[in-house]
């Protein structure tokens, strides 16, 4: 099945879309695609058939999001914890992932036409070499597309992601690229696997489970969380409409909380700059000292982030050339 699904909407669906688009529509949707195995048991099929149906549903959801105006989707495709499942299931999932990445690369011209940028978040070193290579090729082939974004969380947990970010910051301080005072919430965010993406506005989990299962724990602090009992392969456009409507009902509260947090974060950075200047200059500190320190801090951070970006790009080129 293709990644770019083209569907005709019924007039009730178009009517609902037009009504929802009058209000705020989430820019970024995150989904925990739960219930594939239960769906397979319900339909008396093998587990892999359930996961295959789950992929088909993701392709449909991407189409619905385009119609609604949601331009970024992050899907929890495979957790690090999922490696603990049976070898048969894990091998089947890896083969399915390889097949879908290969299909994605076949459709890269169609992805470019629609402006779809593919990102893969997680510890790619945990994946088989074939999938790692295909993922690297897909990311590089679509990285300049900028109309809509699909982030696939593979070999991912939020705890691993935060640990990775802290490791990068610790190494930068050790190598004197950064000062300890440069480290902030904002900088840590820019070291996460999701750097370059805005936080999800709406996070949906299917199958009736009411937990995040180590998915986007940092990024979802001010997201609207929507839990539904429907199994992922049975998720319909009307379930998505319901989630968006739920988001709209809570939009103003969430937006106010996010803005308050950002304001407090900015104050914290400014206070840190002043404190560092007082430590260095004592009572002789001036506004010029503070401005110069802030400028130097900004330059250090920009250089560090540029190094981090190049490191990531080099890694993607490396894995995409594995086995050549």
C-alpha atoms as a PDB file:
ATOM      1  CA  UNK A   1       0.000   0.000   0.000  1.00  0.00           C
ATOM      2  CA  UNK A   2       1.166   3.508  -0.820  1.00  0.00           C
ATOM      3  CA  UNK A   3       2.293   6.034   1.777  1.00  0.00           C
ATOM      4  CA  UNK A   4       0.423   8.839   0.006  1.00  0.00           C
ATOM      5  CA  UNK A   5      -3.237   7.884   0.134  1.00  0.00           C
ATOM      6  CA  UNK A   6      -5.716   9.869  -1.935  1.00  0.00           C
ATOM      7  CA  UNK A   7      -9.301   9.608  -0.697  1.00  0.00           C
ATOM      8  CA  UNK A   8     -12.529  11.322  -1.643  1.00  0.00           C
ATOM      9  CA  UNK A   9     -14.400  12.750   1.310  1.00  0.00           C
ATOM     10  CA  UNK A  10     -18.143  12.355   1.693  1.00  0.00           C
ATOM     11  CA  UNK A  11     -20.187  15.546   2.037  1.00  0.00           C
ATOM     12  CA  UNK A  12     -20.771  14.959   5.802  1.00  0.00           C
ATOM     13  CA  UNK A  13     -16.997  14.594   6.237  1.00  0.00           C
ATOM     14  CA  UNK A  14     -16.306  17.802   4.309  1.00  0.00           C
ATOM     15  CA  UNK A  15     -18.987  19.577   6.340  1.00  0.00           C
ATOM     16  CA  UNK A  16     -17.333  18.431   9.574  1.00  0.00           C
ATOM     17  CA  UNK A  17     -13.892  19.488   8.298  1.00  0.00           C
ATOM     18  CA  UNK A  18     -15.169  22.958   7.397  1.00  0.00           C
ATOM     19  CA  UNK A  19     -16.758  23.352  10.823  1.00  0.00           C
ATOM     20  CA  UNK A  20     -13.614  22.229  12.658  1.00  0.00           C
ATOM     21  CA  UNK A  21     -11.392  24.514  10.606  1.00  0.00           C
ATOM     22  CA  UNK A  22     -13.354  27.516  11.870  1.00  0.00           C
ATOM     23  CA  UNK A  23     -11.680  26.915  15.226  1.00  0.00           C
ATOM     24  CA  UNK A  24      -8.028  26.225  16.110  1.00  0.00           C
ATOM     25  CA  UNK A  25      -6.698  23.088  14.412  1.00  0.00           C
ATOM     26  CA  UNK A  26      -3.624  21.371  15.907  1.00  0.00           C
ATOM     27  CA  UNK A  27      -0.455  21.862  13.898  1.00  0.00           C
ATOM     28  CA  UNK A  28       1.147  18.723  15.307  1.00  0.00           C
ATOM     29  CA  UNK A  29      -0.625  15.441  16.080  1.00  0.00           C
ATOM     30  CA  UNK A  30       1.109  12.635  17.985  1.00  0.00           C
ATOM     31  CA  UNK A  31      -0.395   9.133  17.989  1.00  0.00           C
ATOM     32  CA  UNK A  32       0.202   6.007  20.057  1.00  0.00           C
ATOM     33  CA  UNK A  33      -1.069   3.370  17.630  1.00  0.00           C
ATOM     34  CA  UNK A  34      -2.225   0.813  20.190  1.00  0.00           C
ATOM     35  CA  UNK A  35      -4.444  -2.207  19.583  1.00  0.00           C
ATOM     36  CA  UNK A  36      -2.969  -3.901  16.511  1.00  0.00           C
ATOM     37  CA  UNK A  37      -2.472  -7.246  18.264  1.00  0.00           C
ATOM     38  CA  UNK A  38      -5.921  -7.187  19.861  1.00  0.00           C
ATOM     39  CA  UNK A  39      -7.413  -6.381  16.461  1.00  0.00           C
ATOM     40  CA  UNK A  40      -5.632  -9.395  14.968  1.00  0.00           C
ATOM     41  CA  UNK A  41      -6.993 -11.679  17.693  1.00  0.00           C
ATOM     42  CA  UNK A  42     -10.464 -10.230  17.246  1.00  0.00           C
ATOM     43  CA  UNK A  43     -10.337 -10.915  13.496  1.00  0.00           C
ATOM     44  CA  UNK A  44      -8.731 -14.370  14.026  1.00  0.00           C
ATOM     45  CA  UNK A  45      -5.610 -13.323  12.119  1.00  0.00           C
ATOM     46  CA  UNK A  46      -1.914 -13.586  12.954  1.00  0.00           C
ATOM     47  CA  UNK A  47      -0.208 -10.753  14.819  1.00  0.00           C
ATOM     48  CA  UNK A  48       1.707  -9.470  11.804  1.00  0.00           C
ATOM     49  CA  UNK A  49      -1.569  -9.012   9.907  1.00  0.00           C
ATOM     50  CA  UNK A  50      -2.699  -6.708  12.703  1.00  0.00           C
ATOM     51  CA  UNK A  51       0.484  -4.639  12.469  1.00  0.00           C
ATOM     52  CA  UNK A  52       0.138  -4.465   8.680  1.00  0.00           C
ATOM     53  CA  UNK A  53      -3.397  -3.174   9.074  1.00  0.00           C
ATOM     54  CA  UNK A  54      -2.045  -0.650  11.570  1.00  0.00           C
ATOM     55  CA  UNK A  55       0.331   0.722   8.928  1.00  0.00           C
ATOM     56  CA  UNK A  56      -2.521   1.028   6.442  1.00  0.00           C
ATOM     57  CA  UNK A  57      -4.429   3.012   9.051  1.00  0.00           C
ATOM     58  CA  UNK A  58      -1.477   5.374   9.572  1.00  0.00           C
ATOM     59  CA  UNK A  59      -1.419   6.106   5.827  1.00  0.00           C
ATOM     60  CA  UNK A  60      -5.143   6.907   5.994  1.00  0.00           C
ATOM     61  CA  UNK A  61      -4.689   9.166   9.014  1.00  0.00           C
ATOM     62  CA  UNK A  62      -1.986  11.123   7.177  1.00  0.00           C
ATOM     63  CA  UNK A  63      -4.509  11.757   4.399  1.00  0.00           C
ATOM     64  CA  UNK A  64      -7.136  12.936   6.898  1.00  0.00           C
ATOM     65  CA  UNK A  65      -4.587  15.242   8.523  1.00  0.00           C
ATOM     66  CA  UNK A  66      -3.771  16.849   5.164  1.00  0.00           C
ATOM     67  CA  UNK A  67      -7.465  17.574   4.636  1.00  0.00           C
ATOM     68  CA  UNK A  68      -7.794  19.051   8.129  1.00  0.00           C
ATOM     69  CA  UNK A  69      -4.656  21.179   7.871  1.00  0.00           C
ATOM     70  CA  UNK A  70      -2.572  19.243  10.421  1.00  0.00           C
ATOM     71  CA  UNK A  71       0.911  19.494   8.932  1.00  0.00           C
ATOM     72  CA  UNK A  72       2.937  17.327  11.335  1.00  0.00           C
ATOM     73  CA  UNK A  73       2.316  13.808  12.653  1.00  0.00           C
ATOM     74  CA  UNK A  74       4.483  11.813  15.053  1.00  0.00           C
ATOM     75  CA  UNK A  75       3.659   8.092  15.254  1.00  0.00           C
ATOM     76  CA  UNK A  76       4.896   5.707  17.945  1.00  0.00           C
ATOM     77  CA  UNK A  77       5.841   2.844  15.637  1.00  0.00           C
ATOM     78  CA  UNK A  78       8.193   0.724  17.775  1.00  0.00           C
ATOM     79  CA  UNK A  79       9.347   1.195  21.360  1.00  0.00           C
ATOM     80  CA  UNK A  80      12.687  -0.020  22.695  1.00  0.00           C
ATOM     81  CA  UNK A  81      10.542  -2.061  25.089  1.00  0.00           C
ATOM     82  CA  UNK A  82       8.999  -3.868  22.100  1.00  0.00           C
ATOM     83  CA  UNK A  83      12.289  -5.708  21.562  1.00  0.00           C
ATOM     84  CA  UNK A  84      11.225  -7.837  24.563  1.00  0.00           C
ATOM     85  CA  UNK A  85       8.403  -9.381  22.534  1.00  0.00           C
ATOM     86  CA  UNK A  86       8.775 -12.776  20.888  1.00  0.00           C
ATOM     87  CA  UNK A  87      11.503 -13.133  18.262  1.00  0.00           C
ATOM     88  CA  UNK A  88       8.886 -14.069  15.671  1.00  0.00           C
ATOM     89  CA  UNK A  89       6.896 -10.866  16.257  1.00  0.00           C
ATOM     90  CA  UNK A  90       9.971  -8.612  16.387  1.00  0.00           C
ATOM     91  CA  UNK A  91      11.396 -10.149  13.201  1.00  0.00           C
ATOM     92  CA  UNK A  92       8.023  -9.735  11.501  1.00  0.00           C
ATOM     93  CA  UNK A  93       7.835  -6.078  12.535  1.00  0.00           C
ATOM     94  CA  UNK A  94      11.374  -5.428  11.315  1.00  0.00           C
ATOM     95  CA  UNK A  95      10.563  -7.016   7.951  1.00  0.00           C
ATOM     96  CA  UNK A  96       7.397  -4.921   7.711  1.00  0.00           C
ATOM     97  CA  UNK A  97       9.376  -1.764   8.526  1.00  0.00           C
ATOM     98  CA  UNK A  98      11.950  -2.599   5.839  1.00  0.00           C
ATOM     99  CA  UNK A  99       9.190  -3.174   3.308  1.00  0.00           C
ATOM    100  CA  UNK A 100       7.495   0.142   4.092  1.00  0.00           C
ATOM    101  CA  UNK A 101      10.730   2.138   4.014  1.00  0.00           C
ATOM    102  CA  UNK A 102      11.560   0.589   0.635  1.00  0.00           C
ATOM    103  CA  UNK A 103       8.098   1.598  -0.594  1.00  0.00           C
ATOM    104  CA  UNK A 104       8.638   5.091   0.767  1.00  0.00           C
ATOM    105  CA  UNK A 105      11.851   5.447  -1.228  1.00  0.00           C
ATOM    106  CA  UNK A 106      10.033   4.281  -4.360  1.00  0.00           C
ATOM    107  CA  UNK A 107       7.566   7.120  -3.806  1.00  0.00           C
ATOM    108  CA  UNK A 108      10.094   9.871  -3.046  1.00  0.00           C
ATOM    109  CA  UNK A 109       8.962  11.883  -6.087  1.00  0.00           C
ATOM    110  CA  UNK A 110       5.385  11.757  -4.826  1.00  0.00           C
ATOM    111  CA  UNK A 111       6.602  12.756  -1.360  1.00  0.00           C
ATOM    112  CA  UNK A 112       8.434  15.711  -2.905  1.00  0.00           C
ATOM    113  CA  UNK A 113       5.297  16.719  -4.817  1.00  0.00           C
ATOM    114  CA  UNK A 114       3.318  16.850  -1.559  1.00  0.00           C
ATOM    115  CA  UNK A 115       6.269  18.346   0.356  1.00  0.00           C
ATOM    116  CA  UNK A 116       6.427  15.474   2.870  1.00  0.00           C
ATOM    117  CA  UNK A 117       9.537  15.378   5.069  1.00  0.00           C
ATOM    118  CA  UNK A 118      10.266  12.044   6.777  1.00  0.00           C
ATOM    119  CA  UNK A 119      12.061  11.946  10.114  1.00  0.00           C
ATOM    120  CA  UNK A 120      12.911   8.909  12.212  1.00  0.00           C
ATOM    121  CA  UNK A 121      13.391   9.462  15.936  1.00  0.00           C
ATOM    122  CA  UNK A 122      14.930   6.949  18.300  1.00  0.00           C
ATOM    123  CA  UNK A 123      18.172   5.011  18.741  1.00  0.00           C
ATOM    124  CA  UNK A 124      18.740   3.848  15.173  1.00  0.00           C
ATOM    125  CA  UNK A 125      21.775   1.818  16.268  1.00  0.00           C
ATOM    126  CA  UNK A 126      19.371  -0.671  17.862  1.00  0.00           C
ATOM    127  CA  UNK A 127      17.740  -1.418  14.501  1.00  0.00           C
ATOM    128  CA  UNK A 128      18.950  -4.035  11.995  1.00  0.00           C
ATOM    129  CA  UNK A 129      21.476  -2.706   9.489  1.00  0.00           C
ATOM    130  CA  UNK A 130      19.054  -2.955   6.546  1.00  0.00           C
ATOM    131  CA  UNK A 131      16.381  -0.855   8.247  1.00  0.00           C
ATOM    132  CA  UNK A 132      18.956   1.635   9.550  1.00  0.00           C
ATOM    133  CA  UNK A 133      20.225   2.108   5.991  1.00  0.00           C
ATOM    134  CA  UNK A 134      16.739   2.538   4.523  1.00  0.00           C
ATOM    135  CA  UNK A 135      15.767   4.977   7.282  1.00  0.00           C
ATOM    136  CA  UNK A 136      18.877   7.066   6.633  1.00  0.00           C
ATOM    137  CA  UNK A 137      18.149   7.136   2.905  1.00  0.00           C
ATOM    138  CA  UNK A 138      14.533   8.175   3.496  1.00  0.00           C
ATOM    139  CA  UNK A 139      15.491  10.991   5.863  1.00  0.00           C
ATOM    140  CA  UNK A 140      18.150  12.347   3.517  1.00  0.00           C
ATOM    141  CA  UNK A 141      15.957  12.031   0.412  1.00  0.00           C
ATOM    142  CA  UNK A 142      13.104  14.054   1.961  1.00  0.00           C
ATOM    143  CA  UNK A 143      14.935  16.459   4.277  1.00  0.00           C
ATOM    144  CA  UNK A 144      14.361  19.510   2.054  1.00  0.00           C
ATOM    145  CA  UNK A 145      10.576  18.961   1.841  1.00  0.00           C
ATOM    146  CA  UNK A 146       8.824  21.411   4.148  1.00  0.00           C
ATOM    147  CA  UNK A 147       5.050  21.351   3.672  1.00  0.00           C
ATOM    148  CA  UNK A 148       4.267  18.525   6.060  1.00  0.00           C
ATOM    149  CA  UNK A 149       6.237  16.238   8.352  1.00  0.00           C
ATOM    150  CA  UNK A 150       5.972  12.595   9.367  1.00  0.00           C
ATOM    151  CA  UNK A 151       8.048  11.597  12.394  1.00  0.00           C
ATOM    152  CA  UNK A 152       8.338   7.838  12.939  1.00  0.00           C
ATOM    153  CA  UNK A 153       9.412   6.821  16.452  1.00  0.00           C
ATOM    154  CA  UNK A 154      11.433   3.617  15.985  1.00  0.00           C
ATOM    155  CA  UNK A 155      13.505   2.029  18.757  1.00  0.00           C
ATOM    156  CA  UNK A 156      12.336   4.997  20.812  1.00  0.00           C
ATOM    157  CA  UNK A 157      11.602   5.771  24.430  1.00  0.00           C
ATOM    158  CA  UNK A 158      11.469   9.201  25.986  1.00  0.00           C
ATOM    159  CA  UNK A 159      13.856   8.185  28.774  1.00  0.00           C
ATOM    160  CA  UNK A 160      16.502   7.148  26.229  1.00  0.00           C
ATOM    161  CA  UNK A 161      15.934  10.402  24.344  1.00  0.00           C
ATOM    162  CA  UNK A 162      16.408  12.596  27.427  1.00  0.00           C
ATOM    163  CA  UNK A 163      19.457  10.561  28.508  1.00  0.00           C
ATOM    164  CA  UNK A 164      20.935  11.032  25.023  1.00  0.00           C
ATOM    165  CA  UNK A 165      20.376  14.794  25.188  1.00  0.00           C
ATOM    166  CA  UNK A 166      21.999  15.038  28.621  1.00  0.00           C
ATOM    167  CA  UNK A 167      24.963  13.005  27.348  1.00  0.00           C
ATOM    168  CA  UNK A 168      25.462  15.422  24.445  1.00  0.00           C
ATOM    169  CA  UNK A 169      25.346  18.421  26.790  1.00  0.00           C
ATOM    170  CA  UNK A 170      27.716  16.791  29.284  1.00  0.00           C
ATOM    171  CA  UNK A 171      30.221  16.013  26.539  1.00  0.00           C
ATOM    172  CA  UNK A 172      30.013  19.587  25.207  1.00  0.00           C
ATOM    173  CA  UNK A 173      30.766  20.989  28.675  1.00  0.00           C
ATOM    174  CA  UNK A 174      33.637  18.527  29.105  1.00  0.00           C
ATOM    175  CA  UNK A 175      35.097  19.620  25.744  1.00  0.00           C
ATOM    176  CA  UNK A 176      34.539  23.295  26.703  1.00  0.00           C
ATOM    177  CA  UNK A 177      32.144  23.951  23.838  1.00  0.00           C
ATOM    178  CA  UNK A 178      29.617  25.035  26.458  1.00  0.00           C
ATOM    179  CA  UNK A 179      29.672  26.386  29.989  1.00  0.00           C
ATOM    180  CA  UNK A 180      27.505  24.774  32.640  1.00  0.00           C
ATOM    181  CA  UNK A 181      25.580  28.060  32.876  1.00  0.00           C
ATOM    182  CA  UNK A 182      24.621  27.703  29.194  1.00  0.00           C
ATOM    183  CA  UNK A 183      22.495  24.650  29.896  1.00  0.00           C
ATOM    184  CA  UNK A 184      18.783  25.388  30.070  1.00  0.00           C
ATOM    185  CA  UNK A 185      15.451  23.741  29.336  1.00  0.00           C
ATOM    186  CA  UNK A 186      15.420  25.329  25.896  1.00  0.00           C
ATOM    187  CA  UNK A 187      18.883  24.002  25.046  1.00  0.00           C
ATOM    188  CA  UNK A 188      18.049  20.508  26.295  1.00  0.00           C
ATOM    189  CA  UNK A 189      14.978  20.525  24.030  1.00  0.00           C
ATOM    190  CA  UNK A 190      17.207  21.323  21.061  1.00  0.00           C
ATOM    191  CA  UNK A 191      19.271  18.213  21.821  1.00  0.00           C
ATOM    192  CA  UNK A 192      16.294  15.838  21.812  1.00  0.00           C
ATOM    193  CA  UNK A 193      15.604  13.536  18.867  1.00  0.00           C
ATOM    194  CA  UNK A 194      12.653  15.793  18.035  1.00  0.00           C
ATOM    195  CA  UNK A 195      14.748  18.953  17.596  1.00  0.00           C
ATOM    196  CA  UNK A 196      13.352  20.965  14.718  1.00  0.00           C
ATOM    197  CA  UNK A 197       9.777  19.936  15.542  1.00  0.00           C
ATOM    198  CA  UNK A 198       7.323  21.907  17.608  1.00  0.00           C
ATOM    199  CA  UNK A 199       5.738  20.146  20.576  1.00  0.00           C
ATOM    200  CA  UNK A 200       2.585  18.155  19.769  1.00  0.00           C
ATOM    201  CA  UNK A 201      -0.631  20.092  20.243  1.00  0.00           C
ATOM    202  CA  UNK A 202      -2.734  16.930  20.449  1.00  0.00           C
ATOM    203  CA  UNK A 203      -1.688  13.418  21.516  1.00  0.00           C
ATOM    204  CA  UNK A 204      -4.066  10.539  20.774  1.00  0.00           C
ATOM    205  CA  UNK A 205      -3.859   7.006  22.184  1.00  0.00           C
ATOM    206  CA  UNK A 206      -6.176   4.254  21.026  1.00  0.00           C
ATOM    207  CA  UNK A 207      -7.287   0.912  22.543  1.00  0.00           C
ATOM    208  CA  UNK A 208      -8.449   2.210  25.935  1.00  0.00           C
ATOM    209  CA  UNK A 209      -5.053   2.387  27.649  1.00  0.00           C
ATOM    210  CA  UNK A 210      -4.660   5.629  29.615  1.00  0.00           C
ATOM    211  CA  UNK A 211      -0.886   6.098  29.769  1.00  0.00           C
ATOM    212  CA  UNK A 212       1.895   7.513  27.607  1.00  0.00           C
ATOM    213  CA  UNK A 213       4.178   4.440  27.647  1.00  0.00           C
ATOM    214  CA  UNK A 214       7.372   6.514  27.604  1.00  0.00           C
ATOM    215  CA  UNK A 215       6.348   8.484  24.501  1.00  0.00           C
ATOM    216  CA  UNK A 216       7.224  12.193  24.148  1.00  0.00           C
ATOM    217  CA  UNK A 217       7.162  12.718  27.924  1.00  0.00           C
ATOM    218  CA  UNK A 218       9.064  16.010  27.719  1.00  0.00           C
ATOM    219  CA  UNK A 219       7.318  17.311  24.592  1.00  0.00           C
ATOM    220  CA  UNK A 220       3.752  16.567  25.741  1.00  0.00           C
ATOM    221  CA  UNK A 221       3.875  18.658  28.937  1.00  0.00           C
ATOM    222  CA  UNK A 222       1.306  21.075  27.477  1.00  0.00           C
ATOM    223  CA  UNK A 223      -0.325  18.794  24.909  1.00  0.00           C
ATOM    224  CA  UNK A 224      -3.999  17.931  24.888  1.00  0.00           C
ATOM    225  CA  UNK A 225      -4.252  14.199  25.695  1.00  0.00           C
ATOM    226  CA  UNK A 226      -7.098  12.262  24.081  1.00  0.00           C
ATOM    227  CA  UNK A 227      -7.703   8.604  24.932  1.00  0.00           C
ATOM    228  CA  UNK A 228     -10.190   6.462  23.029  1.00  0.00           C
ATOM    229  CA  UNK A 229     -11.208   2.802  23.420  1.00  0.00           C
ATOM    230  CA  UNK A 230     -11.253   2.063  19.684  1.00  0.00           C
ATOM    231  CA  UNK A 231      -8.451  -0.216  18.446  1.00  0.00           C
ATOM    232  CA  UNK A 232      -5.979   1.512  16.130  1.00  0.00           C
ATOM    233  CA  UNK A 233      -6.906  -0.403  12.918  1.00  0.00           C
ATOM    234  CA  UNK A 234     -10.567   0.526  13.568  1.00  0.00           C
ATOM    235  CA  UNK A 235      -9.824   4.231  14.079  1.00  0.00           C
ATOM    236  CA  UNK A 236     -11.979   6.323  11.714  1.00  0.00           C
ATOM    237  CA  UNK A 237     -11.965   9.888  10.490  1.00  0.00           C
ATOM    238  CA  UNK A 238     -14.831  10.570  12.910  1.00  0.00           C
ATOM    239  CA  UNK A 239     -12.659   9.515  15.833  1.00  0.00           C
ATOM    240  CA  UNK A 240     -10.070  12.028  14.617  1.00  0.00           C
ATOM    241  CA  UNK A 241     -12.769  14.701  14.338  1.00  0.00           C
ATOM    242  CA  UNK A 242     -13.756  13.945  17.934  1.00  0.00           C
ATOM    243  CA  UNK A 243     -10.148  14.302  19.101  1.00  0.00           C
ATOM    244  CA  UNK A 244      -9.741  17.642  17.298  1.00  0.00           C
ATOM    245  CA  UNK A 245     -13.010  18.928  18.773  1.00  0.00           C
ATOM    246  CA  UNK A 246     -11.805  17.870  22.242  1.00  0.00           C
ATOM    247  CA  UNK A 247      -8.579  19.787  21.597  1.00  0.00           C
ATOM    248  CA  UNK A 248     -10.528  22.889  20.598  1.00  0.00           C
ATOM    249  CA  UNK A 249     -12.480  22.798  23.865  1.00  0.00           C
ATOM    250  CA  UNK A 250      -9.219  22.909  25.843  1.00  0.00           C
ATOM    251  CA  UNK A 251      -7.202  25.089  23.467  1.00  0.00           C
ATOM    252  CA  UNK A 252      -7.236  28.350  25.431  1.00  0.00           C
ATOM    253  CA  UNK A 253      -6.276  26.717  28.747  1.00  0.00           C
ATOM    254  CA  UNK A 254      -3.389  24.814  27.168  1.00  0.00           C
ATOM    255  CA  UNK A 255      -2.167  27.859  25.227  1.00  0.00           C
ATOM    256  CA  UNK A 256      -2.169  30.039  28.347  1.00  0.00           C
ATOM    257  CA  UNK A 257      -0.238  27.416  30.325  1.00  0.00           C
ATOM    258  CA  UNK A 258       2.344  27.029  27.538  1.00  0.00           C
ATOM    259  CA  UNK A 259       2.847  30.800  27.227  1.00  0.00           C
ATOM    260  CA  UNK A 260       3.255  31.167  30.982  1.00  0.00           C
ATOM    261  CA  UNK A 261       5.900  28.427  30.970  1.00  0.00           C
ATOM    262  CA  UNK A 262       7.816  30.082  28.114  1.00  0.00           C
ATOM    263  CA  UNK A 263       7.760  33.437  29.911  1.00  0.00           C
ATOM    264  CA  UNK A 264       9.116  31.871  33.112  1.00  0.00           C
ATOM    265  CA  UNK A 265      11.784  30.069  31.098  1.00  0.00           C
ATOM    266  CA  UNK A 266      12.947  33.340  29.513  1.00  0.00           C
ATOM    267  CA  UNK A 267      13.093  35.030  32.926  1.00  0.00           C
ATOM    268  CA  UNK A 268      15.189  32.142  34.240  1.00  0.00           C
ATOM    269  CA  UNK A 269      17.729  32.553  31.418  1.00  0.00           C
ATOM    270  CA  UNK A 270      17.979  36.308  31.981  1.00  0.00           C
ATOM    271  CA  UNK A 271      18.435  35.830  35.732  1.00  0.00           C
ATOM    272  CA  UNK A 272      21.165  33.271  35.054  1.00  0.00           C
ATOM    273  CA  UNK A 273      23.036  35.747  32.827  1.00  0.00           C
ATOM    274  CA  UNK A 274      22.862  38.436  35.526  1.00  0.00           C
ATOM    275  CA  UNK A 275      24.027  36.019  38.229  1.00  0.00           C
ATOM    276  CA  UNK A 276      26.999  34.889  36.103  1.00  0.00           C
ATOM    277  CA  UNK A 277      28.002  38.498  35.481  1.00  0.00           C
ATOM    278  CA  UNK A 278      27.836  39.360  39.179  1.00  0.00           C
ATOM    279  CA  UNK A 279      30.018  36.323  39.907  1.00  0.00           C
ATOM    280  CA  UNK A 280      32.581  37.522  37.359  1.00  0.00           C
ATOM    281  CA  UNK A 281      32.499  41.302  37.822  1.00  0.00           C
ATOM    282  CA  UNK A 282      31.060  41.780  41.306  1.00  0.00           C
ATOM    283  CA  UNK A 283      29.448  45.156  42.042  1.00  0.00           C
ATOM    284  CA  UNK A 284      31.076  46.636  38.919  1.00  0.00           C
ATOM    285  CA  UNK A 285      28.660  44.723  36.642  1.00  0.00           C
ATOM    286  CA  UNK A 286      26.847  46.847  34.049  1.00  0.00           C
ATOM    287  CA  UNK A 287      24.209  46.383  31.374  1.00  0.00           C
ATOM    288  CA  UNK A 288      27.055  46.227  28.844  1.00  0.00           C
ATOM    289  CA  UNK A 289      28.580  43.295  30.731  1.00  0.00           C
ATOM    290  CA  UNK A 290      25.257  41.478  30.805  1.00  0.00           C
ATOM    291  CA  UNK A 291      24.615  42.094  27.101  1.00  0.00           C
ATOM    292  CA  UNK A 292      28.129  40.926  26.199  1.00  0.00           C
ATOM    293  CA  UNK A 293      27.742  37.770  28.295  1.00  0.00           C
ATOM    294  CA  UNK A 294      24.350  36.998  26.718  1.00  0.00           C
ATOM    295  CA  UNK A 295      25.847  37.516  23.247  1.00  0.00           C
ATOM    296  CA  UNK A 296      28.772  35.194  24.008  1.00  0.00           C
ATOM    297  CA  UNK A 297      26.418  32.572  25.423  1.00  0.00           C
ATOM    298  CA  UNK A 298      24.259  32.776  22.293  1.00  0.00           C
ATOM    299  CA  UNK A 299      27.323  32.318  20.072  1.00  0.00           C
ATOM    300  CA  UNK A 300      28.521  29.287  22.068  1.00  0.00           C
ATOM    301  CA  UNK A 301      25.096  27.670  21.825  1.00  0.00           C
ATOM    302  CA  UNK A 302      24.771  28.361  18.097  1.00  0.00           C
ATOM    303  CA  UNK A 303      28.203  26.813  17.451  1.00  0.00           C
ATOM    304  CA  UNK A 304      27.326  23.783  19.584  1.00  0.00           C
ATOM    305  CA  UNK A 305      23.995  23.253  17.804  1.00  0.00           C
ATOM    306  CA  UNK A 306      25.673  23.592  14.408  1.00  0.00           C
ATOM    307  CA  UNK A 307      28.178  20.912  15.459  1.00  0.00           C
ATOM    308  CA  UNK A 308      25.332  18.701  16.674  1.00  0.00           C
ATOM    309  CA  UNK A 309      23.477  19.145  13.379  1.00  0.00           C
ATOM    310  CA  UNK A 310      26.548  18.251  11.331  1.00  0.00           C
ATOM    311  CA  UNK A 311      27.189  15.234  13.552  1.00  0.00           C
ATOM    312  CA  UNK A 312      23.648  14.008  12.896  1.00  0.00           C
ATOM    313  CA  UNK A 313      23.937  14.642   9.155  1.00  0.00           C
ATOM    314  CA  UNK A 314      27.241  12.785   8.954  1.00  0.00           C
ATOM    315  CA  UNK A 315      25.706   9.865  10.833  1.00  0.00           C
ATOM    316  CA  UNK A 316      22.790   9.713   8.379  1.00  0.00           C
ATOM    317  CA  UNK A 317      25.180   9.680   5.423  1.00  0.00           C
ATOM    318  CA  UNK A 318      27.191   6.961   7.132  1.00  0.00           C
ATOM    319  CA  UNK A 319      24.258   4.629   7.770  1.00  0.00           C
ATOM    320  CA  UNK A 320      22.742   5.256   4.335  1.00  0.00           C
ATOM    321  CA  UNK A 321      25.991   4.027   2.774  1.00  0.00           C
ATOM    322  CA  UNK A 322      26.297   0.901   4.934  1.00  0.00           C
ATOM    323  CA  UNK A 323      26.752  -2.215   2.870  1.00  0.00           C
ATOM    324  CA  UNK A 324      27.419  -0.341  -0.400  1.00  0.00           C
END
